[in-house]
C-alpha cells in the first residue's frame, strides 16, 4: 500500500513536503480507518515515509528506496505472542480427552503426560523439531518404530508411543528427573553419565520446564 501526499503548494503551484505533524495526523487517520476494518492489513504493518524529489509525501508498508524512514513499527510480533496462548488453549482443549484416555490406558499420570506434551509440542500434532522429532510427544523415527507407530503425526498413535516410552523410562530409571532426561537426551546419555542427569543445558532446562508444567496441571 502506498499513500501519496498533497502534490501542490498553495498558489505557487510548486510541490510541497508535508510537515511531520501533518504526516502523523494522516497516519493516525489511516490507523483509525484500519481499526474500523477498512484497512485491516495496515494496522498490522510497518509504516514507512518517503518524500520524493517533487516534494510528494509517500506512505507505505515497506521501504520505498533511498530516503525511506520507518515511522511506525509493526505490532505483528506482539500480536503473535498474544495469540499463541489462545491457540495452545484451543489445542489443549481439543486433545485433552485423548491424552487423558491414553494415559489411563497405560496407567500413567495424566498431569505428567500433559506436562510433557506442553513442553514438547505445545499440543500441536504437526510440530516438527530441527532434529526430526514429530507430533504431540515429539517422537523420533527410531522410537516410533520401537513402539509400532506408523504415523507420527497421528495424535492417537503418537500419544500411544510416547506414553509407553515414558512409562518404560520411568520403570528403568525409577526417578522422574532421570526419565525426563532420557526422554530428552536419550537413554544412553543418562547411562553414560552414571545414571545422573547429563550436563546438557537443554536437557536440564527441559526437566525444569516439564516439572513446572506438571505442578501447574496438578494444581489446576
N, C-alpha and C. Protein backbone atom coordinates (compact mmCIF):
# COMPACT_ATOMS: atom_id res chain seq x y z
N UNK A 1 0.84 -1.19 0.00
CA UNK A 1 0.00 0.00 0.00
C UNK A 1 0.87 1.23 0.00
N UNK A 2 0.54 2.20 -0.83
CA UNK A 2 1.25 3.47 -0.88
C UNK A 2 0.22 4.57 -0.86
N UNK A 3 0.44 5.55 0.01
CA UNK A 3 -0.44 6.72 0.06
C UNK A 3 0.37 7.93 -0.29
N UNK A 4 -0.06 8.72 -1.28
CA UNK A 4 0.66 9.91 -1.70
C UNK A 4 0.11 11.14 -1.01
N UNK A 5 1.02 12.05 -0.66
CA UNK A 5 0.61 13.29 -0.01
C UNK A 5 0.17 14.34 -1.02
N UNK A 6 -0.24 15.50 -0.52
CA UNK A 6 -0.68 16.61 -1.35
C UNK A 6 0.46 17.03 -2.26
N UNK A 7 0.15 17.26 -3.54
CA UNK A 7 1.21 17.49 -4.51
C UNK A 7 1.57 18.97 -4.67
N UNK A 8 0.67 19.85 -4.39
CA UNK A 8 0.91 21.25 -4.75
C UNK A 8 0.90 22.14 -3.52
N UNK A 9 1.64 23.21 -3.61
CA UNK A 9 1.78 24.13 -2.50
C UNK A 9 1.06 25.44 -2.81
N UNK A 10 -0.03 25.76 -2.12
CA UNK A 10 -0.86 26.96 -2.22
C UNK A 10 -0.93 27.54 -3.62
N UNK A 11 -0.65 28.83 -3.77
CA UNK A 11 -0.86 29.50 -5.06
C UNK A 11 0.33 29.39 -5.98
N UNK A 12 1.45 28.92 -5.51
CA UNK A 12 2.65 28.89 -6.35
C UNK A 12 2.64 27.73 -7.32
N UNK A 13 1.85 26.70 -7.01
CA UNK A 13 1.83 25.54 -7.90
C UNK A 13 3.06 24.68 -7.80
N UNK A 14 3.88 24.91 -6.78
CA UNK A 14 5.09 24.10 -6.61
C UNK A 14 4.84 23.00 -5.61
N UNK A 15 5.56 21.90 -5.74
CA UNK A 15 5.38 20.80 -4.78
C UNK A 15 5.74 21.22 -3.37
N UNK A 16 5.11 20.59 -2.41
CA UNK A 16 5.46 20.87 -1.01
C UNK A 16 5.65 19.56 -0.26
N UNK A 17 6.40 19.61 0.81
CA UNK A 17 6.62 18.47 1.68
C UNK A 17 5.72 18.60 2.88
N UNK A 18 5.02 17.51 3.24
CA UNK A 18 4.18 17.56 4.43
C UNK A 18 5.05 17.77 5.67
N UNK A 19 4.67 18.67 6.57
CA UNK A 19 5.34 18.74 7.86
C UNK A 19 5.12 17.42 8.58
N UNK A 20 6.04 17.08 9.48
CA UNK A 20 5.96 15.79 10.16
C UNK A 20 4.66 15.64 10.92
N UNK A 21 4.21 16.73 11.62
CA UNK A 21 2.98 16.63 12.39
C UNK A 21 1.79 16.35 11.49
N UNK A 22 1.78 16.96 10.31
CA UNK A 22 0.68 16.73 9.38
C UNK A 22 0.72 15.30 8.87
N UNK A 23 1.92 14.81 8.61
CA UNK A 23 2.04 13.43 8.16
C UNK A 23 1.56 12.47 9.24
N UNK A 24 1.91 12.79 10.49
CA UNK A 24 1.49 11.93 11.59
C UNK A 24 -0.02 11.92 11.73
N UNK A 25 -0.67 13.04 11.51
CA UNK A 25 -2.13 13.08 11.55
C UNK A 25 -2.72 12.16 10.48
N UNK A 26 -2.10 12.18 9.31
CA UNK A 26 -2.57 11.32 8.23
C UNK A 26 -2.40 9.85 8.60
N UNK A 27 -1.27 9.52 9.23
CA UNK A 27 -1.03 8.13 9.65
C UNK A 27 -2.07 7.70 10.67
N UNK A 28 -2.34 8.59 11.64
CA UNK A 28 -3.33 8.25 12.66
C UNK A 28 -4.70 8.03 12.03
N UNK A 29 -5.02 8.83 11.03
CA UNK A 29 -6.28 8.66 10.32
C UNK A 29 -6.34 7.29 9.65
N UNK A 30 -5.22 6.88 9.03
CA UNK A 30 -5.18 5.57 8.38
C UNK A 30 -5.40 4.45 9.40
N UNK A 31 -4.80 4.59 10.56
CA UNK A 31 -4.93 3.55 11.58
C UNK A 31 -6.35 3.50 12.14
N UNK A 32 -6.99 4.65 12.26
CA UNK A 32 -8.38 4.66 12.70
C UNK A 32 -9.28 3.96 11.71
N UNK A 33 -9.02 4.20 10.43
CA UNK A 33 -9.78 3.51 9.39
C UNK A 33 -9.52 2.02 9.46
N UNK A 34 -8.24 1.67 9.69
CA UNK A 34 -7.88 0.26 9.76
C UNK A 34 -8.59 -0.42 10.92
N UNK A 35 -8.64 0.27 12.07
CA UNK A 35 -9.30 -0.31 13.24
C UNK A 35 -10.77 -0.55 12.97
N UNK A 36 -11.35 0.27 12.09
CA UNK A 36 -12.76 0.09 11.75
C UNK A 36 -12.97 -1.00 10.72
N UNK A 37 -11.88 -1.54 10.20
CA UNK A 37 -11.98 -2.66 9.27
C UNK A 37 -11.71 -2.30 7.83
N UNK A 38 -11.50 -1.01 7.55
CA UNK A 38 -11.31 -0.62 6.16
C UNK A 38 -9.94 -0.95 5.63
N UNK A 39 -8.91 -0.95 6.52
CA UNK A 39 -7.55 -1.27 6.09
C UNK A 39 -6.94 -2.20 7.12
N UNK A 40 -7.50 -3.36 7.27
CA UNK A 40 -7.09 -4.28 8.34
C UNK A 40 -5.62 -4.61 8.27
N UNK A 41 -5.08 -4.72 7.07
CA UNK A 41 -3.68 -5.10 6.96
C UNK A 41 -2.77 -3.96 7.37
N UNK A 42 -3.20 -2.71 7.18
CA UNK A 42 -2.37 -1.57 7.54
C UNK A 42 -2.11 -1.53 9.03
N UNK A 43 -3.12 -1.91 9.83
CA UNK A 43 -2.97 -1.83 11.27
C UNK A 43 -1.92 -2.79 11.79
N UNK A 44 -1.55 -3.77 11.00
CA UNK A 44 -0.59 -4.76 11.45
C UNK A 44 0.73 -4.65 10.69
N UNK A 45 0.93 -3.53 9.96
CA UNK A 45 2.12 -3.41 9.13
C UNK A 45 2.97 -2.24 9.59
N UNK A 46 4.26 -2.30 9.25
CA UNK A 46 5.13 -1.13 9.43
C UNK A 46 4.63 -0.02 8.52
N UNK A 47 4.91 1.22 8.92
CA UNK A 47 4.60 2.36 8.04
C UNK A 47 5.88 3.13 7.79
N UNK A 48 6.21 3.27 6.52
CA UNK A 48 7.40 3.99 6.07
C UNK A 48 6.97 5.27 5.36
N UNK A 49 7.79 6.30 5.49
CA UNK A 49 7.52 7.51 4.72
C UNK A 49 8.73 7.84 3.86
N UNK A 50 8.44 8.50 2.75
CA UNK A 50 9.50 8.95 1.85
C UNK A 50 8.99 10.17 1.10
N UNK A 51 9.81 11.19 1.03
CA UNK A 51 9.47 12.39 0.26
C UNK A 51 10.31 12.39 -1.00
N UNK A 52 9.64 12.38 -2.15
CA UNK A 52 10.39 12.30 -3.40
C UNK A 52 10.93 13.66 -3.82
N UNK A 53 11.58 13.72 -4.99
CA UNK A 53 12.23 14.95 -5.46
C UNK A 53 11.25 16.07 -5.71
N UNK A 54 9.98 15.72 -5.95
CA UNK A 54 8.96 16.74 -6.18
C UNK A 54 8.29 17.19 -4.91
N UNK A 55 8.74 16.65 -3.80
CA UNK A 55 8.16 17.04 -2.52
C UNK A 55 6.91 16.29 -2.16
N UNK A 56 6.64 15.20 -2.86
CA UNK A 56 5.42 14.43 -2.58
C UNK A 56 5.70 13.43 -1.46
N UNK A 57 4.82 13.43 -0.47
CA UNK A 57 4.95 12.51 0.64
C UNK A 57 4.31 11.17 0.27
N UNK A 58 5.09 10.08 0.42
CA UNK A 58 4.59 8.73 0.18
C UNK A 58 4.61 7.96 1.49
N UNK A 59 3.56 7.22 1.75
CA UNK A 59 3.49 6.33 2.90
C UNK A 59 3.30 4.91 2.39
N UNK A 60 4.02 3.97 2.99
CA UNK A 60 3.93 2.59 2.53
C UNK A 60 4.18 1.63 3.68
N UNK A 61 3.80 0.36 3.47
CA UNK A 61 4.07 -0.66 4.48
C UNK A 61 5.43 -1.32 4.27
N UNK A 62 6.23 -0.79 3.35
CA UNK A 62 7.57 -1.34 3.11
C UNK A 62 8.48 -0.22 2.62
N UNK A 63 9.80 -0.36 2.74
CA UNK A 63 10.72 0.68 2.26
C UNK A 63 10.51 0.95 0.78
N UNK A 64 10.67 2.23 0.41
CA UNK A 64 10.45 2.65 -0.98
C UNK A 64 11.73 3.16 -1.63
N UNK A 65 12.86 2.64 -1.17
CA UNK A 65 14.12 3.05 -1.73
C UNK A 65 14.85 4.06 -0.86
N UNK A 66 15.90 4.71 -1.40
CA UNK A 66 16.68 5.68 -0.64
C UNK A 66 15.78 6.77 -0.07
N UNK A 67 16.05 7.16 1.17
CA UNK A 67 15.27 8.21 1.81
C UNK A 67 14.07 7.71 2.58
N UNK A 68 13.80 6.42 2.53
CA UNK A 68 12.66 5.86 3.27
C UNK A 68 12.96 5.89 4.77
N UNK A 69 11.97 6.30 5.55
CA UNK A 69 12.12 6.39 7.00
C UNK A 69 10.99 5.61 7.66
N UNK A 70 11.35 4.70 8.58
CA UNK A 70 10.35 3.94 9.32
C UNK A 70 9.79 4.83 10.42
N UNK A 71 8.48 5.09 10.38
CA UNK A 71 7.90 5.97 11.39
C UNK A 71 6.91 5.25 12.30
N UNK A 72 6.54 4.02 11.96
CA UNK A 72 5.67 3.24 12.85
C UNK A 72 5.98 1.77 12.66
N UNK A 73 6.38 1.13 13.76
CA UNK A 73 6.78 -0.27 13.66
C UNK A 73 5.58 -1.18 13.87
N UNK A 74 5.61 -2.32 13.16
CA UNK A 74 4.52 -3.29 13.20
C UNK A 74 4.33 -3.87 14.59
N UNK A 75 3.10 -4.26 14.88
CA UNK A 75 2.79 -4.97 16.11
C UNK A 75 2.66 -6.47 15.87
N UNK A 76 3.03 -6.93 14.73
CA UNK A 76 2.79 -8.33 14.38
C UNK A 76 3.36 -9.29 15.41
N UNK A 77 4.61 -9.03 15.86
CA UNK A 77 5.25 -9.97 16.76
C UNK A 77 4.52 -10.04 18.09
N UNK A 78 4.18 -8.85 18.65
CA UNK A 78 3.50 -8.87 19.93
C UNK A 78 2.13 -9.50 19.80
N UNK A 79 1.44 -9.26 18.67
CA UNK A 79 0.13 -9.87 18.47
C UNK A 79 0.26 -11.37 18.34
N UNK A 80 1.32 -11.83 17.67
CA UNK A 80 1.53 -13.27 17.54
C UNK A 80 1.74 -13.90 18.91
N UNK A 81 2.51 -13.19 19.79
CA UNK A 81 2.73 -13.72 21.13
C UNK A 81 1.43 -13.81 21.90
N UNK A 82 0.53 -12.82 21.68
CA UNK A 82 -0.73 -12.82 22.37
C UNK A 82 -1.63 -13.94 21.87
N UNK A 83 -1.52 -14.26 20.58
CA UNK A 83 -2.37 -15.30 20.00
C UNK A 83 -1.92 -16.69 20.40
N UNK A 84 -0.61 -16.87 20.68
CA UNK A 84 -0.09 -18.19 20.95
C UNK A 84 -0.79 -18.89 22.12
N UNK A 85 -0.91 -18.22 23.29
CA UNK A 85 -1.59 -18.90 24.40
C UNK A 85 -3.01 -19.29 24.05
N UNK A 86 -3.70 -18.43 23.29
CA UNK A 86 -5.07 -18.74 22.90
C UNK A 86 -5.10 -19.97 22.01
N UNK A 87 -4.17 -20.05 21.05
CA UNK A 87 -4.11 -21.20 20.16
C UNK A 87 -3.78 -22.46 20.95
N UNK A 88 -2.83 -22.37 21.87
CA UNK A 88 -2.45 -23.53 22.68
C UNK A 88 -3.63 -23.99 23.54
N UNK A 89 -4.42 -23.03 24.02
CA UNK A 89 -5.58 -23.36 24.84
C UNK A 89 -6.61 -24.15 24.03
N UNK A 90 -6.82 -23.73 22.79
CA UNK A 90 -7.76 -24.44 21.91
C UNK A 90 -7.27 -25.86 21.64
N UNK A 91 -5.97 -25.98 21.34
CA UNK A 91 -5.41 -27.31 21.06
C UNK A 91 -5.45 -28.20 22.30
N UNK A 92 -5.16 -27.60 23.43
CA UNK A 92 -5.20 -28.38 24.67
C UNK A 92 -6.61 -28.93 24.92
N UNK A 93 -7.60 -28.07 24.71
CA UNK A 93 -8.99 -28.49 24.92
C UNK A 93 -9.36 -29.61 23.94
N UNK A 94 -8.84 -29.50 22.72
CA UNK A 94 -9.16 -30.50 21.69
C UNK A 94 -8.59 -31.87 22.03
N UNK A 95 -7.34 -31.88 22.55
CA UNK A 95 -6.66 -33.17 22.74
C UNK A 95 -6.69 -33.69 24.18
N UNK A 96 -7.25 -32.93 25.10
CA UNK A 96 -7.30 -33.38 26.49
C UNK A 96 -8.03 -34.71 26.67
N UNK A 97 -9.20 -34.92 26.05
CA UNK A 97 -9.86 -36.22 26.22
C UNK A 97 -8.99 -37.39 25.75
N UNK A 98 -8.32 -37.22 24.61
CA UNK A 98 -7.47 -38.29 24.07
C UNK A 98 -6.26 -38.52 24.97
N UNK A 99 -5.65 -37.44 25.45
CA UNK A 99 -4.49 -37.56 26.34
C UNK A 99 -4.88 -38.28 27.63
N UNK A 100 -5.99 -37.86 28.23
CA UNK A 100 -6.42 -38.48 29.48
C UNK A 100 -6.76 -39.95 29.28
N UNK A 101 -7.45 -40.24 28.20
CA UNK A 101 -7.84 -41.63 27.92
C UNK A 101 -6.62 -42.52 27.71
N UNK A 102 -5.65 -42.01 26.93
CA UNK A 102 -4.45 -42.82 26.64
C UNK A 102 -3.59 -42.98 27.88
N UNK A 103 -3.51 -41.92 28.69
CA UNK A 103 -2.74 -42.02 29.94
C UNK A 103 -3.35 -43.06 30.87
N UNK A 104 -4.68 -43.08 30.98
CA UNK A 104 -5.33 -44.08 31.83
C UNK A 104 -5.10 -45.50 31.30
N UNK A 105 -5.11 -45.65 29.98
CA UNK A 105 -4.92 -46.97 29.38
C UNK A 105 -3.58 -47.56 29.79
N UNK A 106 -2.55 -46.71 29.86
CA UNK A 106 -1.22 -47.20 30.19
C UNK A 106 -0.84 -46.92 31.64
N UNK A 107 -1.85 -46.53 32.45
CA UNK A 107 -1.66 -46.29 33.88
C UNK A 107 -0.55 -45.29 34.17
N UNK A 108 -0.62 -44.19 33.44
CA UNK A 108 0.32 -43.08 33.66
C UNK A 108 -0.45 -41.86 34.17
N UNK A 109 0.24 -41.04 34.93
CA UNK A 109 -0.35 -39.81 35.47
C UNK A 109 -0.68 -38.86 34.32
N UNK A 110 -1.96 -38.56 34.13
CA UNK A 110 -2.36 -37.71 33.01
C UNK A 110 -1.78 -36.31 33.12
N UNK A 111 -1.57 -35.83 34.34
CA UNK A 111 -0.98 -34.49 34.52
C UNK A 111 0.46 -34.46 34.01
N UNK A 112 1.18 -35.54 34.24
CA UNK A 112 2.56 -35.64 33.74
C UNK A 112 2.56 -35.67 32.21
N UNK A 113 1.64 -36.42 31.63
CA UNK A 113 1.59 -36.51 30.16
C UNK A 113 1.25 -35.14 29.57
N UNK A 114 0.33 -34.43 30.19
CA UNK A 114 0.01 -33.08 29.72
C UNK A 114 1.25 -32.19 29.79
N UNK A 115 2.02 -32.33 30.85
CA UNK A 115 3.22 -31.50 31.01
C UNK A 115 4.23 -31.80 29.92
N UNK A 116 4.40 -33.08 29.59
CA UNK A 116 5.35 -33.45 28.54
C UNK A 116 4.86 -32.96 27.18
N UNK A 117 3.58 -33.15 26.91
CA UNK A 117 3.03 -32.69 25.63
C UNK A 117 3.17 -31.18 25.50
N UNK A 118 2.89 -30.46 26.57
CA UNK A 118 3.00 -29.00 26.53
C UNK A 118 4.44 -28.56 26.27
N UNK A 119 5.38 -29.23 26.93
CA UNK A 119 6.79 -28.87 26.76
C UNK A 119 7.32 -29.27 25.39
N UNK A 120 6.87 -30.43 24.91
CA UNK A 120 7.40 -30.96 23.65
C UNK A 120 6.84 -30.26 22.42
N UNK A 121 5.53 -30.05 22.40
CA UNK A 121 4.90 -29.56 21.16
C UNK A 121 3.90 -28.44 21.34
N UNK A 122 3.60 -28.06 22.59
CA UNK A 122 2.57 -27.06 22.79
C UNK A 122 1.22 -27.55 22.30
N UNK A 123 0.99 -28.86 22.36
CA UNK A 123 -0.26 -29.51 21.93
C UNK A 123 -0.46 -29.46 20.42
N UNK A 124 0.60 -29.20 19.68
CA UNK A 124 0.49 -29.14 18.22
C UNK A 124 0.89 -30.49 17.61
N UNK A 125 -0.07 -31.23 17.03
CA UNK A 125 0.25 -32.56 16.49
C UNK A 125 1.12 -32.52 15.25
N UNK A 126 1.28 -31.33 14.67
CA UNK A 126 2.09 -31.19 13.45
C UNK A 126 3.48 -30.60 13.74
N UNK A 127 3.81 -30.44 15.02
CA UNK A 127 5.11 -29.87 15.38
C UNK A 127 6.25 -30.77 14.92
N UNK A 128 7.29 -30.15 14.39
CA UNK A 128 8.49 -30.88 13.94
C UNK A 128 9.72 -30.16 14.48
N UNK A 129 10.58 -30.88 15.16
CA UNK A 129 11.79 -30.25 15.71
C UNK A 129 12.89 -30.23 14.66
N UNK A 130 13.95 -29.45 14.94
CA UNK A 130 15.06 -29.40 13.99
C UNK A 130 15.87 -30.69 13.97
N UNK A 131 15.57 -31.61 14.91
CA UNK A 131 16.24 -32.90 14.92
C UNK A 131 15.39 -34.01 14.30
N UNK A 132 14.17 -33.64 13.87
CA UNK A 132 13.32 -34.62 13.20
C UNK A 132 12.27 -35.27 14.06
N UNK A 133 12.12 -34.81 15.32
CA UNK A 133 11.06 -35.34 16.17
C UNK A 133 9.73 -34.76 15.71
N UNK A 134 8.67 -35.56 15.82
CA UNK A 134 7.39 -35.17 15.24
C UNK A 134 6.24 -35.42 16.21
N UNK A 135 5.25 -34.54 16.17
CA UNK A 135 3.97 -34.80 16.83
C UNK A 135 3.86 -34.32 18.25
N UNK A 136 2.74 -34.68 18.89
CA UNK A 136 2.42 -34.20 20.23
C UNK A 136 3.52 -34.49 21.24
N UNK A 137 4.10 -35.70 21.18
CA UNK A 137 5.15 -36.06 22.13
C UNK A 137 6.51 -36.14 21.46
N UNK A 138 6.61 -35.57 20.26
CA UNK A 138 7.89 -35.43 19.55
C UNK A 138 8.66 -36.75 19.47
N UNK A 139 8.07 -37.69 18.78
CA UNK A 139 8.72 -39.00 18.62
C UNK A 139 9.76 -38.95 17.51
N UNK A 140 10.93 -39.52 17.78
CA UNK A 140 11.94 -39.71 16.76
C UNK A 140 11.60 -40.98 15.97
N UNK A 141 12.11 -41.11 14.74
CA UNK A 141 11.79 -42.28 13.92
C UNK A 141 12.09 -43.61 14.62
N UNK A 142 13.25 -43.70 15.29
CA UNK A 142 13.62 -44.95 15.94
C UNK A 142 12.65 -45.30 17.07
N UNK A 143 12.25 -44.30 17.83
CA UNK A 143 11.29 -44.55 18.92
C UNK A 143 9.94 -44.97 18.36
N UNK A 144 9.53 -44.33 17.27
CA UNK A 144 8.26 -44.69 16.64
C UNK A 144 8.27 -46.14 16.19
N UNK A 145 9.37 -46.56 15.56
CA UNK A 145 9.47 -47.96 15.11
C UNK A 145 9.44 -48.92 16.29
N UNK A 146 10.12 -48.53 17.34
CA UNK A 146 10.21 -49.37 18.54
C UNK A 146 8.83 -49.66 19.14
N UNK A 147 7.93 -48.68 19.04
CA UNK A 147 6.61 -48.83 19.65
C UNK A 147 5.49 -49.00 18.61
N UNK A 148 5.87 -49.34 17.41
CA UNK A 148 4.89 -49.66 16.39
C UNK A 148 4.06 -48.49 15.90
N UNK A 149 4.63 -47.30 15.94
CA UNK A 149 3.91 -46.10 15.47
C UNK A 149 4.21 -45.92 13.98
N UNK A 150 3.20 -46.08 13.16
CA UNK A 150 3.39 -45.95 11.70
C UNK A 150 3.22 -44.52 11.21
N UNK A 151 2.45 -43.71 11.94
CA UNK A 151 2.21 -42.32 11.54
C UNK A 151 2.42 -41.43 12.76
N UNK A 152 3.58 -40.81 12.82
CA UNK A 152 3.91 -39.99 13.99
C UNK A 152 3.04 -38.74 14.09
N UNK A 153 2.43 -38.32 12.99
CA UNK A 153 1.56 -37.14 13.02
C UNK A 153 0.15 -37.45 13.50
N UNK A 154 -0.17 -38.73 13.59
CA UNK A 154 -1.48 -39.11 14.09
C UNK A 154 -1.48 -38.98 15.62
N UNK A 155 -2.32 -38.12 16.18
CA UNK A 155 -2.29 -37.87 17.63
C UNK A 155 -2.43 -39.12 18.48
N UNK A 156 -3.34 -40.01 18.10
CA UNK A 156 -3.56 -41.22 18.90
C UNK A 156 -2.33 -42.12 18.89
N UNK A 157 -1.75 -42.32 17.72
CA UNK A 157 -0.55 -43.16 17.63
C UNK A 157 0.63 -42.51 18.35
N UNK A 158 0.78 -41.22 18.16
CA UNK A 158 1.89 -40.50 18.77
C UNK A 158 1.82 -40.59 20.29
N UNK A 159 0.64 -40.35 20.84
CA UNK A 159 0.48 -40.42 22.29
C UNK A 159 0.71 -41.84 22.81
N UNK A 160 0.20 -42.82 22.08
CA UNK A 160 0.39 -44.21 22.50
C UNK A 160 1.87 -44.56 22.57
N UNK A 161 2.62 -44.20 21.53
CA UNK A 161 4.05 -44.49 21.53
C UNK A 161 4.81 -43.70 22.57
N UNK A 162 4.51 -42.40 22.66
CA UNK A 162 5.23 -41.54 23.60
C UNK A 162 4.96 -41.89 25.05
N UNK A 163 3.72 -42.21 25.38
CA UNK A 163 3.39 -42.54 26.76
C UNK A 163 4.02 -43.88 27.16
N UNK A 164 3.99 -44.85 26.25
CA UNK A 164 4.62 -46.15 26.57
C UNK A 164 6.13 -45.99 26.73
N UNK A 165 6.71 -45.12 25.90
CA UNK A 165 8.16 -44.89 26.02
C UNK A 165 8.48 -44.25 27.36
N UNK A 166 7.72 -43.23 27.75
CA UNK A 166 7.96 -42.56 29.02
C UNK A 166 7.72 -43.53 30.18
N UNK A 167 6.70 -44.38 30.06
CA UNK A 167 6.43 -45.38 31.11
C UNK A 167 7.61 -46.34 31.27
N UNK A 168 8.17 -46.76 30.15
CA UNK A 168 9.32 -47.67 30.21
C UNK A 168 10.55 -46.98 30.82
N UNK A 169 10.71 -45.70 30.52
CA UNK A 169 11.83 -44.95 31.09
C UNK A 169 11.66 -44.79 32.60
N UNK A 170 10.42 -44.58 33.03
CA UNK A 170 10.16 -44.47 34.47
C UNK A 170 10.48 -45.80 35.17
N UNK A 171 10.13 -46.90 34.55
CA UNK A 171 10.42 -48.21 35.13
C UNK A 171 11.93 -48.49 35.15
N UNK A 172 12.60 -48.03 34.12
CA UNK A 172 14.04 -48.30 34.00
C UNK A 172 14.86 -47.46 34.97
N UNK A 173 14.55 -46.16 35.07
CA UNK A 173 15.39 -45.26 35.86
C UNK A 173 14.82 -44.95 37.24
N UNK A 174 13.52 -45.25 37.46
CA UNK A 174 12.88 -45.15 38.77
C UNK A 174 12.94 -43.77 39.40
N UNK A 175 13.12 -42.78 38.58
CA UNK A 175 13.16 -41.41 39.09
C UNK A 175 12.69 -40.49 37.97
N UNK A 176 11.75 -39.59 38.28
CA UNK A 176 11.15 -38.76 37.24
C UNK A 176 12.19 -37.92 36.51
N UNK A 177 13.10 -37.29 37.23
CA UNK A 177 14.07 -36.41 36.59
C UNK A 177 14.95 -37.19 35.60
N UNK A 178 15.32 -38.43 35.96
CA UNK A 178 16.15 -39.24 35.07
C UNK A 178 15.34 -39.73 33.87
N UNK A 179 14.08 -40.06 34.10
CA UNK A 179 13.22 -40.49 32.99
C UNK A 179 13.04 -39.34 31.99
N UNK A 180 12.85 -38.15 32.50
CA UNK A 180 12.70 -36.99 31.62
C UNK A 180 14.00 -36.69 30.89
N UNK A 181 15.11 -36.85 31.61
CA UNK A 181 16.41 -36.63 30.96
C UNK A 181 16.61 -37.62 29.82
N UNK A 182 16.22 -38.87 30.04
CA UNK A 182 16.35 -39.89 28.99
C UNK A 182 15.39 -39.61 27.84
N UNK A 183 14.21 -39.11 28.15
CA UNK A 183 13.24 -38.79 27.09
C UNK A 183 13.79 -37.67 26.20
N UNK A 184 14.50 -36.75 26.80
CA UNK A 184 15.03 -35.61 26.05
C UNK A 184 16.37 -35.91 25.37
N UNK A 185 17.29 -36.52 26.11
CA UNK A 185 18.65 -36.70 25.61
C UNK A 185 18.97 -38.13 25.19
N UNK A 186 18.09 -39.06 25.53
CA UNK A 186 18.33 -40.45 25.18
C UNK A 186 18.79 -41.28 26.38
N UNK A 187 18.40 -42.54 26.38
CA UNK A 187 18.77 -43.44 27.48
C UNK A 187 20.27 -43.57 27.62
N UNK A 188 20.97 -43.62 26.49
CA UNK A 188 22.42 -43.82 26.53
C UNK A 188 23.13 -42.66 27.22
N UNK A 189 22.59 -41.45 27.08
CA UNK A 189 23.22 -40.28 27.71
C UNK A 189 23.13 -40.38 29.23
N UNK A 190 21.98 -40.81 29.73
CA UNK A 190 21.81 -40.95 31.18
C UNK A 190 22.73 -42.04 31.71
N UNK A 191 22.84 -43.13 30.98
CA UNK A 191 23.73 -44.22 31.41
C UNK A 191 25.19 -43.78 31.33
N UNK A 192 25.53 -43.04 30.30
CA UNK A 192 26.92 -42.60 30.12
C UNK A 192 27.40 -41.77 31.30
N UNK A 193 26.50 -40.96 31.87
CA UNK A 193 26.89 -40.10 32.98
C UNK A 193 26.54 -40.72 34.33
N UNK A 194 26.58 -42.04 34.38
CA UNK A 194 26.45 -42.75 35.65
C UNK A 194 25.08 -42.63 36.28
N UNK A 195 24.04 -42.72 35.46
CA UNK A 195 22.66 -42.60 35.94
C UNK A 195 22.43 -41.27 36.64
N UNK A 196 23.00 -40.26 36.05
CA UNK A 196 22.78 -38.88 36.50
C UNK A 196 22.25 -38.06 35.34
N UNK A 197 21.72 -36.90 35.65
CA UNK A 197 21.23 -36.02 34.59
C UNK A 197 22.42 -35.53 33.77
N UNK A 198 22.41 -35.73 32.47
CA UNK A 198 23.54 -35.27 31.64
C UNK A 198 23.74 -33.76 31.77
N UNK A 199 24.97 -33.29 31.63
CA UNK A 199 25.26 -31.87 31.83
C UNK A 199 24.95 -31.01 30.60
N UNK A 200 23.82 -31.29 29.98
CA UNK A 200 23.43 -30.53 28.79
C UNK A 200 22.45 -29.44 29.21
N UNK A 201 22.75 -28.18 28.92
CA UNK A 201 21.83 -27.09 29.30
C UNK A 201 20.41 -27.32 28.79
N UNK A 202 20.28 -27.81 27.57
CA UNK A 202 18.94 -28.03 27.01
C UNK A 202 18.17 -29.06 27.83
N UNK A 203 18.86 -30.15 28.21
CA UNK A 203 18.19 -31.20 28.97
C UNK A 203 17.81 -30.72 30.36
N UNK A 204 18.71 -30.01 31.00
CA UNK A 204 18.40 -29.50 32.34
C UNK A 204 17.24 -28.51 32.30
N UNK A 205 17.22 -27.66 31.28
CA UNK A 205 16.11 -26.71 31.12
C UNK A 205 14.81 -27.46 30.85
N UNK A 206 14.89 -28.51 30.05
CA UNK A 206 13.71 -29.30 29.71
C UNK A 206 13.10 -29.93 30.97
N UNK A 207 13.93 -30.50 31.81
CA UNK A 207 13.44 -31.13 33.03
C UNK A 207 12.74 -30.11 33.92
N UNK A 208 13.37 -28.95 34.10
CA UNK A 208 12.75 -27.90 34.93
C UNK A 208 11.41 -27.47 34.36
N UNK A 209 11.35 -27.35 33.03
CA UNK A 209 10.12 -26.89 32.38
C UNK A 209 9.00 -27.90 32.55
N UNK A 210 9.31 -29.18 32.31
CA UNK A 210 8.28 -30.22 32.44
C UNK A 210 7.77 -30.30 33.88
N UNK A 211 8.66 -30.25 34.83
CA UNK A 211 8.25 -30.33 36.24
C UNK A 211 7.41 -29.11 36.61
N UNK A 212 7.76 -27.96 36.09
CA UNK A 212 6.95 -26.76 36.36
C UNK A 212 5.55 -26.92 35.78
N UNK A 213 5.47 -27.39 34.54
CA UNK A 213 4.16 -27.63 33.92
C UNK A 213 3.38 -28.70 34.68
N UNK A 214 4.09 -29.72 35.13
CA UNK A 214 3.47 -30.81 35.87
C UNK A 214 2.79 -30.28 37.13
N UNK A 215 3.48 -29.43 37.86
CA UNK A 215 2.90 -28.85 39.07
C UNK A 215 1.69 -27.97 38.74
N UNK A 216 1.80 -27.23 37.65
CA UNK A 216 0.67 -26.37 37.25
C UNK A 216 -0.55 -27.20 36.91
N UNK A 217 -0.37 -28.29 36.18
CA UNK A 217 -1.50 -29.13 35.80
C UNK A 217 -2.12 -29.82 37.02
N UNK A 218 -1.28 -30.24 37.96
CA UNK A 218 -1.83 -30.87 39.16
C UNK A 218 -2.62 -29.88 40.00
N UNK A 219 -2.12 -28.65 40.10
CA UNK A 219 -2.79 -27.64 40.91
C UNK A 219 -4.09 -27.15 40.29
N UNK A 220 -4.16 -27.27 38.95
CA UNK A 220 -5.38 -26.81 38.28
C UNK A 220 -6.43 -27.91 38.19
